[in-house]
């Protein structure tokens, strides 16, 4: 694990409980959330905090420092199931990652209706 990954792991260990907190989570719920997904190769379930934008039943995550992160690659070139916590409620959806020619990565999620 590189230095960036170690710093990110520490930051995530602080941010994740904050986002999930009933008291403090309300302060960030319009900008930060947690996603839960299953790794394609490992089959393990992961939960990580992310910044997001929501438009109706679509959620967009701009991946900062994508070359230093691996989670989004689970959705590159092939969509996959994902869960997003929105205003205290877990919503299921389908995610796909897109990398543009400049190297920027967006993960686009379409939420399932009624979840």
C-alpha atoms as a PDB file:
ATOM      1  CA  UNK A   1       0.000   0.000   0.000  1.00  0.00           C
ATOM      2  CA  UNK A   2       1.417   3.356  -1.065  1.00  0.00           C
ATOM      3  CA  UNK A   3       1.492   6.591   0.917  1.00  0.00           C
ATOM      4  CA  UNK A   4      -1.624   7.939  -0.832  1.00  0.00           C
ATOM      5  CA  UNK A   5      -3.588   4.787  -0.021  1.00  0.00           C
ATOM      6  CA  UNK A   6      -2.522   4.938   3.640  1.00  0.00           C
ATOM      7  CA  UNK A   7      -3.597   8.582   3.938  1.00  0.00           C
ATOM      8  CA  UNK A   8      -6.876   7.818   2.132  1.00  0.00           C
ATOM      9  CA  UNK A   9      -7.566   4.882   4.463  1.00  0.00           C
ATOM     10  CA  UNK A  10      -7.081   7.114   7.511  1.00  0.00           C
ATOM     11  CA  UNK A  11      -9.253   9.865   6.010  1.00  0.00           C
ATOM     12  CA  UNK A  12     -11.973   7.353   5.100  1.00  0.00           C
ATOM     13  CA  UNK A  13     -11.915   5.927   8.621  1.00  0.00           C
ATOM     14  CA  UNK A  14     -12.784   9.422   9.896  1.00  0.00           C
ATOM     15  CA  UNK A  15     -15.207  10.503   7.138  1.00  0.00           C
ATOM     16  CA  UNK A  16     -17.247   7.296   6.923  1.00  0.00           C
ATOM     17  CA  UNK A  17     -18.537   7.395  10.539  1.00  0.00           C
ATOM     18  CA  UNK A  18     -19.218  11.121  10.149  1.00  0.00           C
ATOM     19  CA  UNK A  19     -21.342  10.549   7.040  1.00  0.00           C
ATOM     20  CA  UNK A  20     -23.207   7.656   8.694  1.00  0.00           C
ATOM     21  CA  UNK A  21     -23.771   9.534  11.958  1.00  0.00           C
ATOM     22  CA  UNK A  22     -27.419  10.490  12.618  1.00  0.00           C
ATOM     23  CA  UNK A  23     -26.263  13.769  14.157  1.00  0.00           C
ATOM     24  CA  UNK A  24     -23.384  14.879  11.922  1.00  0.00           C
ATOM     25  CA  UNK A  25     -24.398  13.132   8.724  1.00  0.00           C
ATOM     26  CA  UNK A  26     -27.147  15.700   8.111  1.00  0.00           C
ATOM     27  CA  UNK A  27     -24.486  18.385   7.732  1.00  0.00           C
ATOM     28  CA  UNK A  28     -22.883  16.650   4.760  1.00  0.00           C
ATOM     29  CA  UNK A  29     -25.678  14.484   3.326  1.00  0.00           C
ATOM     30  CA  UNK A  30     -26.183  16.666   0.256  1.00  0.00           C
ATOM     31  CA  UNK A  31     -22.517  16.395  -0.756  1.00  0.00           C
ATOM     32  CA  UNK A  32     -21.082  13.256   0.840  1.00  0.00           C
ATOM     33  CA  UNK A  33     -22.403   9.727   1.114  1.00  0.00           C
ATOM     34  CA  UNK A  34     -21.205   6.155   1.284  1.00  0.00           C
ATOM     35  CA  UNK A  35     -21.374   3.613  -1.494  1.00  0.00           C
ATOM     36  CA  UNK A  36     -21.348  -0.152  -1.064  1.00  0.00           C
ATOM     37  CA  UNK A  37     -20.293  -2.517  -3.822  1.00  0.00           C
ATOM     38  CA  UNK A  38     -18.825  -5.970  -4.363  1.00  0.00           C
ATOM     39  CA  UNK A  39     -15.348  -6.287  -5.815  1.00  0.00           C
ATOM     40  CA  UNK A  40     -15.380  -8.046  -9.175  1.00  0.00           C
ATOM     41  CA  UNK A  41     -12.303 -10.148  -8.554  1.00  0.00           C
ATOM     42  CA  UNK A  42     -12.327 -10.508  -4.777  1.00  0.00           C
ATOM     43  CA  UNK A  43     -16.073 -10.928  -4.260  1.00  0.00           C
ATOM     44  CA  UNK A  44     -15.663  -8.887  -1.059  1.00  0.00           C
ATOM     45  CA  UNK A  45     -18.105  -6.157  -0.060  1.00  0.00           C
ATOM     46  CA  UNK A  46     -16.655  -2.657   0.327  1.00  0.00           C
ATOM     47  CA  UNK A  47     -18.137   0.537   1.723  1.00  0.00           C
ATOM     48  CA  UNK A  48     -16.423   3.852   1.057  1.00  0.00           C
ATOM     49  CA  UNK A  49     -17.324   7.525   1.450  1.00  0.00           C
ATOM     50  CA  UNK A  50     -17.576   9.659  -1.698  1.00  0.00           C
ATOM     51  CA  UNK A  51     -18.612  13.131  -2.792  1.00  0.00           C
ATOM     52  CA  UNK A  52     -21.577  13.098  -5.166  1.00  0.00           C
ATOM     53  CA  UNK A  53     -24.149  15.079  -7.125  1.00  0.00           C
ATOM     54  CA  UNK A  54     -27.714  13.881  -7.521  1.00  0.00           C
ATOM     55  CA  UNK A  55     -30.216  14.669 -10.240  1.00  0.00           C
ATOM     56  CA  UNK A  56     -33.449  12.741  -9.654  1.00  0.00           C
ATOM     57  CA  UNK A  57     -32.674   9.044  -9.979  1.00  0.00           C
ATOM     58  CA  UNK A  58     -29.131   9.639 -11.214  1.00  0.00           C
ATOM     59  CA  UNK A  59     -26.053  10.078  -9.041  1.00  0.00           C
ATOM     60  CA  UNK A  60     -22.675  11.224 -10.352  1.00  0.00           C
ATOM     61  CA  UNK A  61     -19.372  10.728  -8.577  1.00  0.00           C
ATOM     62  CA  UNK A  62     -16.324  12.620  -9.828  1.00  0.00           C
ATOM     63  CA  UNK A  63     -13.396  10.437  -8.817  1.00  0.00           C
ATOM     64  CA  UNK A  64     -10.579  12.592  -7.470  1.00  0.00           C
ATOM     65  CA  UNK A  65      -7.067  11.228  -8.123  1.00  0.00           C
ATOM     66  CA  UNK A  66      -8.411   8.245 -10.104  1.00  0.00           C
ATOM     67  CA  UNK A  67      -4.979   6.764 -10.777  1.00  0.00           C
ATOM     68  CA  UNK A  68      -4.461   6.477  -7.028  1.00  0.00           C
ATOM     69  CA  UNK A  69      -7.766   4.689  -6.440  1.00  0.00           C
ATOM     70  CA  UNK A  70      -9.066   1.333  -7.559  1.00  0.00           C
ATOM     71  CA  UNK A  71     -12.719   1.099  -6.473  1.00  0.00           C
ATOM     72  CA  UNK A  72     -14.130   2.758  -9.600  1.00  0.00           C
ATOM     73  CA  UNK A  73     -12.444   0.181 -11.851  1.00  0.00           C
ATOM     74  CA  UNK A  74     -15.106  -2.324 -10.758  1.00  0.00           C
ATOM     75  CA  UNK A  75     -17.454  -0.342 -13.015  1.00  0.00           C
ATOM     76  CA  UNK A  76     -15.141   0.415 -15.955  1.00  0.00           C
ATOM     77  CA  UNK A  77     -16.354  -0.883 -19.324  1.00  0.00           C
ATOM     78  CA  UNK A  78     -19.148  -2.855 -17.656  1.00  0.00           C
ATOM     79  CA  UNK A  79     -21.924  -1.721 -15.350  1.00  0.00           C
ATOM     80  CA  UNK A  80     -22.402  -3.294 -11.965  1.00  0.00           C
ATOM     81  CA  UNK A  81     -24.632  -3.207  -8.892  1.00  0.00           C
ATOM     82  CA  UNK A  82     -24.027  -0.584  -6.242  1.00  0.00           C
ATOM     83  CA  UNK A  83     -25.799   0.748  -3.177  1.00  0.00           C
ATOM     84  CA  UNK A  84     -25.863   4.450  -2.292  1.00  0.00           C
ATOM     85  CA  UNK A  85     -26.960   5.864   1.058  1.00  0.00           C
ATOM     86  CA  UNK A  86     -29.110   8.933   0.421  1.00  0.00           C
ATOM     87  CA  UNK A  87     -30.660  10.847   3.314  1.00  0.00           C
ATOM     88  CA  UNK A  88     -30.372   7.824   5.592  1.00  0.00           C
ATOM     89  CA  UNK A  89     -31.849   5.347   3.106  1.00  0.00           C
ATOM     90  CA  UNK A  90     -29.941   2.700   1.148  1.00  0.00           C
ATOM     91  CA  UNK A  91     -30.774   2.928  -2.553  1.00  0.00           C
ATOM     92  CA  UNK A  92     -29.779   0.220  -5.022  1.00  0.00           C
ATOM     93  CA  UNK A  93     -28.583   1.125  -8.459  1.00  0.00           C
ATOM     94  CA  UNK A  94     -26.377   0.314 -11.405  1.00  0.00           C
ATOM     95  CA  UNK A  95     -23.044   2.071 -11.876  1.00  0.00           C
ATOM     96  CA  UNK A  96     -20.703   2.524 -14.807  1.00  0.00           C
ATOM     97  CA  UNK A  97     -17.386   4.377 -14.838  1.00  0.00           C
ATOM     98  CA  UNK A  98     -16.279   6.526 -17.748  1.00  0.00           C
ATOM     99  CA  UNK A  99     -12.759   7.872 -18.250  1.00  0.00           C
ATOM    100  CA  UNK A 100     -12.403  10.794 -20.640  1.00  0.00           C
ATOM    101  CA  UNK A 101      -9.353  11.466 -22.854  1.00  0.00           C
ATOM    102  CA  UNK A 102      -7.938  13.851 -20.221  1.00  0.00           C
ATOM    103  CA  UNK A 103      -7.982  11.054 -17.625  1.00  0.00           C
ATOM    104  CA  UNK A 104     -10.910  12.347 -15.571  1.00  0.00           C
ATOM    105  CA  UNK A 105     -13.207   9.637 -14.224  1.00  0.00           C
ATOM    106  CA  UNK A 106     -16.930   9.862 -13.566  1.00  0.00           C
ATOM    107  CA  UNK A 107     -19.021   7.085 -12.073  1.00  0.00           C
ATOM    108  CA  UNK A 108     -22.631   7.394 -13.165  1.00  0.00           C
ATOM    109  CA  UNK A 109     -25.279   5.604 -11.127  1.00  0.00           C
ATOM    110  CA  UNK A 110     -28.880   5.035 -12.124  1.00  0.00           C
ATOM    111  CA  UNK A 111     -30.980   4.310  -9.052  1.00  0.00           C
ATOM    112  CA  UNK A 112     -33.619   1.617  -9.130  1.00  0.00           C
ATOM    113  CA  UNK A 113     -37.126   3.015  -8.749  1.00  0.00           C
ATOM    114  CA  UNK A 114     -38.722   2.558  -5.368  1.00  0.00           C
ATOM    115  CA  UNK A 115     -35.609   1.479  -3.487  1.00  0.00           C
END
